[in-house]
Amino acid sequence: YLVENVFDLLQDAIARNADRISVDYHERAGYPETLLITYDLI
C-alpha cells in the first residue's frame, strides 16, 4: 500500500508490456489514483 510500491507495480507492468494498462494520476500530486493491469487479455 505504499505509494512508491504502487508506482513499482505500474513500472513493472510497463516493462513487461502488459496487454492492458489503464491508469489515472492525481493531477497535482502525480500518484496513481486508479490503476488496472491485465497481463493476458485472452
All heavy atoms as atom14 arrays in JSON, in Angstrom:
{
  "sequence": "YLVENVFDLLQDAIARNADRISVDYHERAGYPETLLITYDLI",
  "atom14_mask": [
    [1, 1, 1, 1, 1, 1, 1, 1, 1, 1, 1, 1, 0, 0],
    [1, 1, 1, 1, 1, 1, 1, 1, 0, 0, 0, 0, 0, 0],
    [1, 1, 1, 1, 1, 1, 1, 0, 0, 0, 0, 0, 0, 0],
    [1, 1, 1, 1, 1, 1, 1, 1, 1, 0, 0, 0, 0, 0],
    [1, 1, 1, 1, 1, 1, 1, 1, 0, 0, 0, 0, 0, 0],
    [1, 1, 1, 1, 1, 1, 1, 0, 0, 0, 0, 0, 0, 0],
    [1, 1, 1, 1, 1, 1, 1, 1, 1, 1, 1, 0, 0, 0],
    [1, 1, 1, 1, 1, 1, 1, 1, 0, 0, 0, 0, 0, 0],
    [1, 1, 1, 1, 1, 1, 1, 1, 0, 0, 0, 0, 0, 0],
    [1, 1, 1, 1, 1, 1, 1, 1, 0, 0, 0, 0, 0, 0],
    [1, 1, 1, 1, 1, 1, 1, 1, 1, 0, 0, 0, 0, 0],
    [1, 1, 1, 1, 1, 1, 1, 1, 0, 0, 0, 0, 0, 0],
    [1, 1, 1, 1, 1, 0, 0, 0, 0, 0, 0, 0, 0, 0],
    [1, 1, 1, 1, 1, 1, 1, 1, 0, 0, 0, 0, 0, 0],
    [1, 1, 1, 1, 1, 0, 0, 0, 0, 0, 0, 0, 0, 0],
    [1, 1, 1, 1, 1, 1, 1, 1, 1, 1, 1, 0, 0, 0],
    [1, 1, 1, 1, 1, 1, 1, 1, 0, 0, 0, 0, 0, 0],
    [1, 1, 1, 1, 1, 0, 0, 0, 0, 0, 0, 0, 0, 0],
    [1, 1, 1, 1, 1, 1, 1, 1, 0, 0, 0, 0, 0, 0],
    [1, 1, 1, 1, 1, 1, 1, 1, 1, 1, 1, 0, 0, 0],
    [1, 1, 1, 1, 1, 1, 1, 1, 0, 0, 0, 0, 0, 0],
    [1, 1, 1, 1, 1, 1, 0, 0, 0, 0, 0, 0, 0, 0],
    [1, 1, 1, 1, 1, 1, 1, 0, 0, 0, 0, 0, 0, 0],
    [1, 1, 1, 1, 1, 1, 1, 1, 0, 0, 0, 0, 0, 0],
    [1, 1, 1, 1, 1, 1, 1, 1, 1, 1, 1, 1, 0, 0],
    [1, 1, 1, 1, 1, 1, 1, 1, 1, 1, 0, 0, 0, 0],
    [1, 1, 1, 1, 1, 1, 1, 1, 1, 0, 0, 0, 0, 0],
    [1, 1, 1, 1, 1, 1, 1, 1, 1, 1, 1, 0, 0, 0],
    [1, 1, 1, 1, 1, 0, 0, 0, 0, 0, 0, 0, 0, 0],
    [1, 1, 1, 1, 0, 0, 0, 0, 0, 0, 0, 0, 0, 0],
    [1, 1, 1, 1, 1, 1, 1, 1, 1, 1, 1, 1, 0, 0],
    [1, 1, 1, 1, 1, 1, 1, 0, 0, 0, 0, 0, 0, 0],
    [1, 1, 1, 1, 1, 1, 1, 1, 1, 0, 0, 0, 0, 0],
    [1, 1, 1, 1, 1, 1, 1, 0, 0, 0, 0, 0, 0, 0],
    [1, 1, 1, 1, 1, 1, 1, 1, 0, 0, 0, 0, 0, 0],
    [1, 1, 1, 1, 1, 1, 1, 1, 0, 0, 0, 0, 0, 0],
    [1, 1, 1, 1, 1, 1, 1, 1, 0, 0, 0, 0, 0, 0],
    [1, 1, 1, 1, 1, 1, 1, 0, 0, 0, 0, 0, 0, 0],
    [1, 1, 1, 1, 1, 1, 1, 1, 1, 1, 1, 1, 0, 0],
    [1, 1, 1, 1, 1, 1, 1, 1, 0, 0, 0, 0, 0, 0],
    [1, 1, 1, 1, 1, 1, 1, 1, 0, 0, 0, 0, 0, 0],
    [1, 1, 1, 1, 1, 1, 1, 1, 0, 0, 0, 0, 0, 0]
  ],
  "atom14_positions": [
    [[0.8, -1.22, 0.0], [0.0, 0.0, 0.0], [0.84, 1.28, 0.0], [0.28, 2.37, -0.09], [-0.96, 0.0, 1.19], [-2.13, -0.94, 1.0], [-2.11, -2.21, 1.56], [-3.23, -0.57, 0.25], [-3.16, -3.1, 1.38], [-4.3, -1.44, 0.06], [-4.25, -2.7, 0.62], [-5.3, -3.57, 0.43], [0.0, 0.0, 0.0], [0.0, 0.0, 0.0]],
    [[2.15, 1.18, 0.12], [2.98, 2.37, -0.06], [2.79, 2.9, -1.47], [2.81, 2.13, -2.44], [4.45, 2.03, 0.16], [4.97, 1.95, 1.59], [6.42, 1.49, 1.57], [4.85, 3.29, 2.3], [0.0, 0.0, 0.0], [0.0, 0.0, 0.0], [0.0, 0.0, 0.0], [0.0, 0.0, 0.0], [0.0, 0.0, 0.0], [0.0, 0.0, 0.0]],
    [[2.66, 4.2, -1.62], [2.51, 4.79, -2.95], [3.7, 4.42, -3.84], [3.54, 4.12, -5.02], [2.34, 6.31, -2.86], [2.48, 6.97, -4.24], [0.98, 6.66, -2.26], [0.0, 0.0, 0.0], [0.0, 0.0, 0.0], [0.0, 0.0, 0.0], [0.0, 0.0, 0.0], [0.0, 0.0, 0.0], [0.0, 0.0, 0.0], [0.0, 0.0, 0.0]],
    [[4.9, 4.41, -3.26], [6.09, 4.05, -4.04], [5.97, 2.63, -4.59], [6.43, 2.36, -5.71], [7.35, 4.18, -3.18], [7.78, 5.6, -2.88], [6.93, 6.29, -1.82], [6.1, 5.6, -1.17], [7.07, 7.51, -1.65], [0.0, 0.0, 0.0], [0.0, 0.0, 0.0], [0.0, 0.0, 0.0], [0.0, 0.0, 0.0], [0.0, 0.0, 0.0]],
    [[5.35, 1.72, -3.83], [5.21, 0.35, -4.31], [4.12, 0.22, -5.36], [4.18, -0.67, -6.22], [4.95, -0.59, -3.13], [6.19, -0.77, -2.27], [7.3, -0.48, -2.71], [6.01, -1.22, -1.05], [0.0, 0.0, 0.0], [0.0, 0.0, 0.0], [0.0, 0.0, 0.0], [0.0, 0.0, 0.0], [0.0, 0.0, 0.0], [0.0, 0.0, 0.0]],
    [[3.13, 1.1, -5.32], [2.15, 1.15, -6.39], [2.82, 1.61, -7.68], [2.57, 1.06, -8.77], [0.97, 2.07, -6.02], [-0.01, 2.18, -7.19], [0.25, 1.55, -4.78], [0.0, 0.0, 0.0], [0.0, 0.0, 0.0], [0.0, 0.0, 0.0], [0.0, 0.0, 0.0], [0.0, 0.0, 0.0], [0.0, 0.0, 0.0], [0.0, 0.0, 0.0]],
    [[3.69, 2.6, -7.58], [4.48, 3.01, -8.75], [5.32, 1.85, -9.26], [5.43, 1.64, -10.47], [5.39, 4.19, -8.39], [4.75, 5.54, -8.54], [4.54, 6.35, -7.43], [4.4, 6.03, -9.78], [3.96, 7.6, -7.57], [3.82, 7.28, -9.93], [3.59, 8.07, -8.82], [0.0, 0.0, 0.0], [0.0, 0.0, 0.0], [0.0, 0.0, 0.0]],
    [[5.92, 1.07, -8.35], [6.74, -0.07, -8.77], [5.9, -1.1, -9.52], [6.35, -1.7, -10.51], [7.41, -0.72, -7.56], [8.53, 0.12, -6.98], [9.0, 1.05, -7.67], [8.95, -0.16, -5.84], [0.0, 0.0, 0.0], [0.0, 0.0, 0.0], [0.0, 0.0, 0.0], [0.0, 0.0, 0.0], [0.0, 0.0, 0.0], [0.0, 0.0, 0.0]],
    [[4.69, -1.35, -9.04], [3.78, -2.28, -9.7], [3.49, -1.83, -11.13], [3.52, -2.63, -12.08], [2.48, -2.38, -8.9], [1.36, -3.24, -9.5], [1.75, -4.71, -9.45], [0.05, -3.0, -8.75], [0.0, 0.0, 0.0], [0.0, 0.0, 0.0], [0.0, 0.0, 0.0], [0.0, 0.0, 0.0], [0.0, 0.0, 0.0], [0.0, 0.0, 0.0]],
    [[3.23, -0.54, -11.3], [2.95, 0.0, -12.62], [4.18, -0.04, -13.51], [4.1, -0.42, -14.69], [2.44, 1.44, -12.48], [2.22, 2.23, -13.76], [1.31, 1.49, -14.74], [1.63, 3.61, -13.43], [0.0, 0.0, 0.0], [0.0, 0.0, 0.0], [0.0, 0.0, 0.0], [0.0, 0.0, 0.0], [0.0, 0.0, 0.0], [0.0, 0.0, 0.0]],
    [[5.33, 0.32, -12.96], [6.56, 0.29, -13.75], [6.87, -1.12, -14.24], [7.3, -1.32, -15.39], [7.72, 0.84, -12.92], [9.01, 0.99, -13.72], [10.08, 1.68, -12.92], [10.24, 1.46, -11.72], [10.84, 2.56, -13.57], [0.0, 0.0, 0.0], [0.0, 0.0, 0.0], [0.0, 0.0, 0.0], [0.0, 0.0, 0.0], [0.0, 0.0, 0.0]],
    [[6.64, -2.12, -13.38], [6.88, -3.5, -13.78], [5.94, -3.91, -14.91], [6.35, -4.61, -15.85], [6.7, -4.42, -12.57], [6.96, -5.87, -12.89], [8.12, -6.2, -13.24], [6.02, -6.67, -12.83], [0.0, 0.0, 0.0], [0.0, 0.0, 0.0], [0.0, 0.0, 0.0], [0.0, 0.0, 0.0], [0.0, 0.0, 0.0], [0.0, 0.0, 0.0]],
    [[4.69, -3.46, -14.85], [3.74, -3.8, -15.91], [4.15, -3.18, -17.24], [4.02, -3.81, -18.3], [2.34, -3.32, -15.52], [0.0, 0.0, 0.0], [0.0, 0.0, 0.0], [0.0, 0.0, 0.0], [0.0, 0.0, 0.0], [0.0, 0.0, 0.0], [0.0, 0.0, 0.0], [0.0, 0.0, 0.0], [0.0, 0.0, 0.0], [0.0, 0.0, 0.0]],
    [[4.65, -1.95, -17.19], [5.13, -1.31, -18.41], [6.33, -2.05, -18.97], [6.42, -2.32, -20.18], [5.47, 0.17, -18.13], [4.2, 0.95, -17.75], [6.13, 0.81, -19.35], [4.48, 2.36, -17.26], [0.0, 0.0, 0.0], [0.0, 0.0, 0.0], [0.0, 0.0, 0.0], [0.0, 0.0, 0.0], [0.0, 0.0, 0.0], [0.0, 0.0, 0.0]],
    [[7.27, -2.41, -18.09], [8.47, -3.12, -18.53], [8.13, -4.49, -19.11], [8.79, -4.95, -20.06], [9.44, -3.27, -17.36], [0.0, 0.0, 0.0], [0.0, 0.0, 0.0], [0.0, 0.0, 0.0], [0.0, 0.0, 0.0], [0.0, 0.0, 0.0], [0.0, 0.0, 0.0], [0.0, 0.0, 0.0], [0.0, 0.0, 0.0], [0.0, 0.0, 0.0]],
    [[7.1, -5.14, -18.57], [6.7, -6.48, -19.05], [5.71, -6.41, -20.2], [5.25, -7.44, -20.68], [6.12, -7.28, -17.88], [7.15, -7.63, -16.82], [6.5, -8.16, -15.56], [5.69, -9.35, -15.81], [4.91, -9.92, -14.88], [4.86, -9.4, -13.66], [4.2, -10.99, -15.16], [0.0, 0.0, 0.0], [0.0, 0.0, 0.0], [0.0, 0.0, 0.0]],
    [[5.38, -5.19, -20.63], [4.48, -4.99, -21.78], [3.14, -5.7, -21.56], [2.68, -6.49, -22.4], [5.14, -5.49, -23.07], [4.46, -4.94, -24.31], [3.85, -3.88, -24.29], [4.55, -5.67, -25.41], [0.0, 0.0, 0.0], [0.0, 0.0, 0.0], [0.0, 0.0, 0.0], [0.0, 0.0, 0.0], [0.0, 0.0, 0.0], [0.0, 0.0, 0.0]],
    [[2.52, -5.42, -20.44], [1.21, -6.0, -20.13], [0.21, -5.67, -21.24], [0.28, -4.62, -21.87], [0.71, -5.46, -18.79], [0.0, 0.0, 0.0], [0.0, 0.0, 0.0], [0.0, 0.0, 0.0], [0.0, 0.0, 0.0], [0.0, 0.0, 0.0], [0.0, 0.0, 0.0], [0.0, 0.0, 0.0], [0.0, 0.0, 0.0], [0.0, 0.0, 0.0]],
    [[-0.74, -6.57, -21.47], [-1.7, -6.38, -22.56], [-2.56, -5.15, -22.37], [-2.92, -4.48, -23.34], [-2.62, -7.62, -22.66], [-1.93, -8.78, -23.36], [-0.79, -8.61, -23.81], [-2.54, -9.87, -23.45], [0.0, 0.0, 0.0], [0.0, 0.0, 0.0], [0.0, 0.0, 0.0], [0.0, 0.0, 0.0], [0.0, 0.0, 0.0], [0.0, 0.0, 0.0]],
    [[-2.9, -4.83, -21.13], [-3.71, -3.64, -20.87], [-3.22, -2.95, -19.61], [-3.04, -3.58, -18.58], [-5.19, -4.0, -20.72], [-6.09, -2.78, -20.43], [-7.55, -3.18, -20.32], [-7.77, -4.12, -19.22], [-8.91, -4.78, -19.03], [-9.89, -4.65, -19.88], [-9.04, -5.59, -17.98], [0.0, 0.0, 0.0], [0.0, 0.0, 0.0], [0.0, 0.0, 0.0]],
    [[-3.03, -1.65, -19.72], [-2.68, -0.83, -18.56], [-3.55, 0.42, -18.61], [-3.48, 1.2, -19.56], [-1.2, -0.42, -18.56], [-0.29, -1.65, -18.51], [-0.89, 0.5, -17.38], [1.19, -1.33, -18.62], [0.0, 0.0, 0.0], [0.0, 0.0, 0.0], [0.0, 0.0, 0.0], [0.0, 0.0, 0.0], [0.0, 0.0, 0.0], [0.0, 0.0, 0.0]],
    [[-4.38, 0.59, -17.62], [-5.23, 1.77, -17.5], [-4.9, 2.46, -16.19], [-4.98, 1.85, -15.12], [-6.71, 1.37, -17.53], [-7.54, 2.5, -17.33], [0.0, 0.0, 0.0], [0.0, 0.0, 0.0], [0.0, 0.0, 0.0], [0.0, 0.0, 0.0], [0.0, 0.0, 0.0], [0.0, 0.0, 0.0], [0.0, 0.0, 0.0], [0.0, 0.0, 0.0]],
    [[-4.51, 3.73, -16.28], [-4.1, 4.44, -15.07], [-4.56, 5.89, -15.14], [-4.51, 6.53, -16.19], [-2.56, 4.36, -14.87], [-1.81, 4.91, -16.07], [-2.13, 5.07, -13.6], [0.0, 0.0, 0.0], [0.0, 0.0, 0.0], [0.0, 0.0, 0.0], [0.0, 0.0, 0.0], [0.0, 0.0, 0.0], [0.0, 0.0, 0.0], [0.0, 0.0, 0.0]],
    [[-5.04, 6.38, -14.01], [-5.39, 7.79, -13.85], [-4.54, 8.34, -12.7], [-4.57, 7.79, -11.59], [-6.87, 7.98, -13.52], [-7.77, 7.56, -14.67], [-7.55, 8.02, -15.79], [-8.69, 6.75, -14.43], [0.0, 0.0, 0.0], [0.0, 0.0, 0.0], [0.0, 0.0, 0.0], [0.0, 0.0, 0.0], [0.0, 0.0, 0.0], [0.0, 0.0, 0.0]],
    [[-3.82, 9.42, -12.98], [-2.95, 10.02, -11.98], [-3.62, 11.23, -11.33], [-4.42, 11.93, -11.97], [-1.64, 10.49, -12.63], [-0.8, 9.41, -13.25], [-0.85, 9.13, -14.61], [0.08, 8.65, -12.47], [-0.07, 8.15, -15.18], [0.87, 7.67, -13.03], [0.79, 7.42, -14.4], [1.57, 6.45, -14.96], [0.0, 0.0, 0.0], [0.0, 0.0, 0.0]],
    [[-3.28, 11.46, -10.08], [-3.72, 12.69, -9.42], [-3.09, 13.88, -10.13], [-1.88, 13.9, -10.39], [-3.31, 12.68, -7.95], [-3.88, 13.81, -7.15], [-3.29, 15.04, -7.09], [-5.0, 13.87, -6.37], [-4.01, 15.83, -6.31], [-5.05, 15.14, -5.86], [0.0, 0.0, 0.0], [0.0, 0.0, 0.0], [0.0, 0.0, 0.0], [0.0, 0.0, 0.0]],
    [[-3.9, 14.86, -10.48], [-3.45, 15.95, -11.33], [-2.27, 16.71, -10.75], [-1.34, 17.09, -11.46], [-4.6, 16.91, -11.62], [-4.25, 18.04, -12.57], [-5.44, 18.92, -12.89], [-6.55, 18.66, -12.36], [-5.26, 19.88, -13.67], [0.0, 0.0, 0.0], [0.0, 0.0, 0.0], [0.0, 0.0, 0.0], [0.0, 0.0, 0.0], [0.0, 0.0, 0.0]],
    [[-2.29, 16.96, -9.46], [-1.23, 17.77, -8.85], [-0.13, 16.91, -8.23], [1.05, 17.14, -8.46], [-1.82, 18.68, -7.76], [-0.79, 19.62, -7.13], [-1.41, 20.42, -6.0], [-1.86, 19.58, -4.91], [-1.06, 19.12, -3.93], [0.22, 19.42, -3.93], [-1.55, 18.36, -2.97], [0.0, 0.0, 0.0], [0.0, 0.0, 0.0], [0.0, 0.0, 0.0]],
    [[-0.52, 15.87, -7.49], [0.47, 15.1, -6.73], [1.08, 13.96, -7.54], [2.13, 13.44, -7.16], [-0.16, 14.54, -5.45], [0.0, 0.0, 0.0], [0.0, 0.0, 0.0], [0.0, 0.0, 0.0], [0.0, 0.0, 0.0], [0.0, 0.0, 0.0], [0.0, 0.0, 0.0], [0.0, 0.0, 0.0], [0.0, 0.0, 0.0], [0.0, 0.0, 0.0]],
    [[0.44, 13.54, -8.62], [1.06, 12.58, -9.52], [0.87, 11.11, -9.18], [1.16, 10.26, -10.02], [0.0, 0.0, 0.0], [0.0, 0.0, 0.0], [0.0, 0.0, 0.0], [0.0, 0.0, 0.0], [0.0, 0.0, 0.0], [0.0, 0.0, 0.0], [0.0, 0.0, 0.0], [0.0, 0.0, 0.0], [0.0, 0.0, 0.0], [0.0, 0.0, 0.0]],
    [[0.4, 10.76, -7.97], [0.28, 9.35, -7.62], [-0.88, 8.7, -8.41], [-1.83, 9.38, -8.8], [0.08, 9.16, -6.13], [-1.18, 9.79, -5.57], [-2.39, 9.09, -5.6], [-1.17, 11.07, -5.01], [-3.55, 9.65, -5.11], [-2.33, 11.64, -4.51], [-3.52, 10.93, -4.56], [-4.67, 11.5, -4.08], [0.0, 0.0, 0.0], [0.0, 0.0, 0.0]],
    [[-0.82, 7.38, -8.66], [-1.92, 6.72, -9.38], [-3.18, 6.64, -8.52], [-3.18, 5.97, -7.48], [-1.36, 5.31, -9.66], [0.13, 5.43, -9.49], [0.32, 6.48, -8.43], [0.0, 0.0, 0.0], [0.0, 0.0, 0.0], [0.0, 0.0, 0.0], [0.0, 0.0, 0.0], [0.0, 0.0, 0.0], [0.0, 0.0, 0.0], [0.0, 0.0, 0.0]],
    [[-4.23, 7.32, -8.95], [-5.49, 7.24, -8.21], [-6.22, 5.94, -8.51], [-6.78, 5.31, -7.61], [-6.38, 8.44, -8.56], [-5.87, 9.76, -8.02], [-6.87, 10.87, -8.26], [-7.15, 11.18, -9.43], [-7.35, 11.46, -7.26], [0.0, 0.0, 0.0], [0.0, 0.0, 0.0], [0.0, 0.0, 0.0], [0.0, 0.0, 0.0], [0.0, 0.0, 0.0]],
    [[-6.24, 5.54, -9.77], [-6.8, 4.25, -10.16], [-5.83, 3.57, -11.11], [-5.22, 4.23, -11.97], [-8.18, 4.38, -10.83], [-8.06, 5.18, -12.01], [-9.17, 5.02, -9.88], [0.0, 0.0, 0.0], [0.0, 0.0, 0.0], [0.0, 0.0, 0.0], [0.0, 0.0, 0.0], [0.0, 0.0, 0.0], [0.0, 0.0, 0.0], [0.0, 0.0, 0.0]],
    [[-5.7, 2.27, -10.98], [-4.76, 1.51, -11.8], [-5.35, 0.13, -12.05], [-5.81, -0.53, -11.13], [-3.42, 1.37, -11.07], [-2.38, 0.41, -11.67], [-1.96, 0.87, -13.06], [-1.17, 0.29, -10.75], [0.0, 0.0, 0.0], [0.0, 0.0, 0.0], [0.0, 0.0, 0.0], [0.0, 0.0, 0.0], [0.0, 0.0, 0.0], [0.0, 0.0, 0.0]],
    [[-5.36, -0.29, -13.32], [-5.82, -1.62, -13.67], [-4.87, -2.2, -14.7], [-4.61, -1.59, -15.74], [-7.24, -1.59, -14.23], [-7.89, -2.96, -14.47], [-8.06, -3.7, -13.15], [-9.22, -2.81, -15.18], [0.0, 0.0, 0.0], [0.0, 0.0, 0.0], [0.0, 0.0, 0.0], [0.0, 0.0, 0.0], [0.0, 0.0, 0.0], [0.0, 0.0, 0.0]],
    [[-4.34, -3.38, -14.39], [-3.35, -4.04, -15.24], [-3.87, -5.43, -15.58], [-4.31, -6.18, -14.7], [-2.0, -4.18, -14.51], [-1.44, -2.81, -14.12], [-1.0, -4.94, -15.37], [-0.33, -2.89, -13.09], [0.0, 0.0, 0.0], [0.0, 0.0, 0.0], [0.0, 0.0, 0.0], [0.0, 0.0, 0.0], [0.0, 0.0, 0.0], [0.0, 0.0, 0.0]],
    [[-3.84, -5.79, -16.87], [-4.14, -7.15, -17.3], [-2.97, -7.65, -18.13], [-2.65, -7.06, -19.17], [-5.44, -7.22, -18.12], [-6.52, -6.74, -17.32], [-5.74, -8.66, -18.52], [0.0, 0.0, 0.0], [0.0, 0.0, 0.0], [0.0, 0.0, 0.0], [0.0, 0.0, 0.0], [0.0, 0.0, 0.0], [0.0, 0.0, 0.0], [0.0, 0.0, 0.0]],
    [[-2.37, -8.72, -17.69], [-1.19, -9.23, -18.39], [-1.57, -10.09, -19.6], [-0.79, -10.19, -20.55], [-0.3, -10.02, -17.43], [0.46, -9.12, -16.49], [-0.01, -8.84, -15.21], [1.65, -8.52, -16.89], [0.69, -7.99, -14.36], [2.35, -7.67, -16.05], [1.87, -7.42, -14.78], [2.56, -6.57, -13.94], [0.0, 0.0, 0.0], [0.0, 0.0, 0.0]],
    [[-2.75, -10.71, -19.59], [-3.17, -11.57, -20.7], [-4.66, -11.33, -20.95], [-5.51, -11.82, -20.23], [-2.91, -13.04, -20.36], [-3.12, -13.97, -21.56], [-3.83, -13.57, -22.5], [-2.56, -15.08, -21.55], [0.0, 0.0, 0.0], [0.0, 0.0, 0.0], [0.0, 0.0, 0.0], [0.0, 0.0, 0.0], [0.0, 0.0, 0.0], [0.0, 0.0, 0.0]],
    [[-4.96, -10.57, -22.01], [-6.36, -10.25, -22.31], [-7.14, -11.45, -22.8], [-8.36, -11.51, -22.64], [-6.41, -9.14, -23.37], [-6.16, -7.71, -22.86], [-6.1, -6.75, -24.04], [-7.26, -7.28, -21.89], [0.0, 0.0, 0.0], [0.0, 0.0, 0.0], [0.0, 0.0, 0.0], [0.0, 0.0, 0.0], [0.0, 0.0, 0.0], [0.0, 0.0, 0.0]],
    [[-6.48, -12.42, -23.42], [-7.19, -13.58, -23.96], [-7.79, -14.41, -22.84], [-8.96, -14.81, -22.88], [-6.24, -14.43, -24.82], [-5.77, -13.63, -26.05], [-6.93, -15.73, -25.26], [-4.78, -14.37, -26.92], [0.0, 0.0, 0.0], [0.0, 0.0, 0.0], [0.0, 0.0, 0.0], [0.0, 0.0, 0.0], [0.0, 0.0, 0.0], [0.0, 0.0, 0.0]]
  ]
}
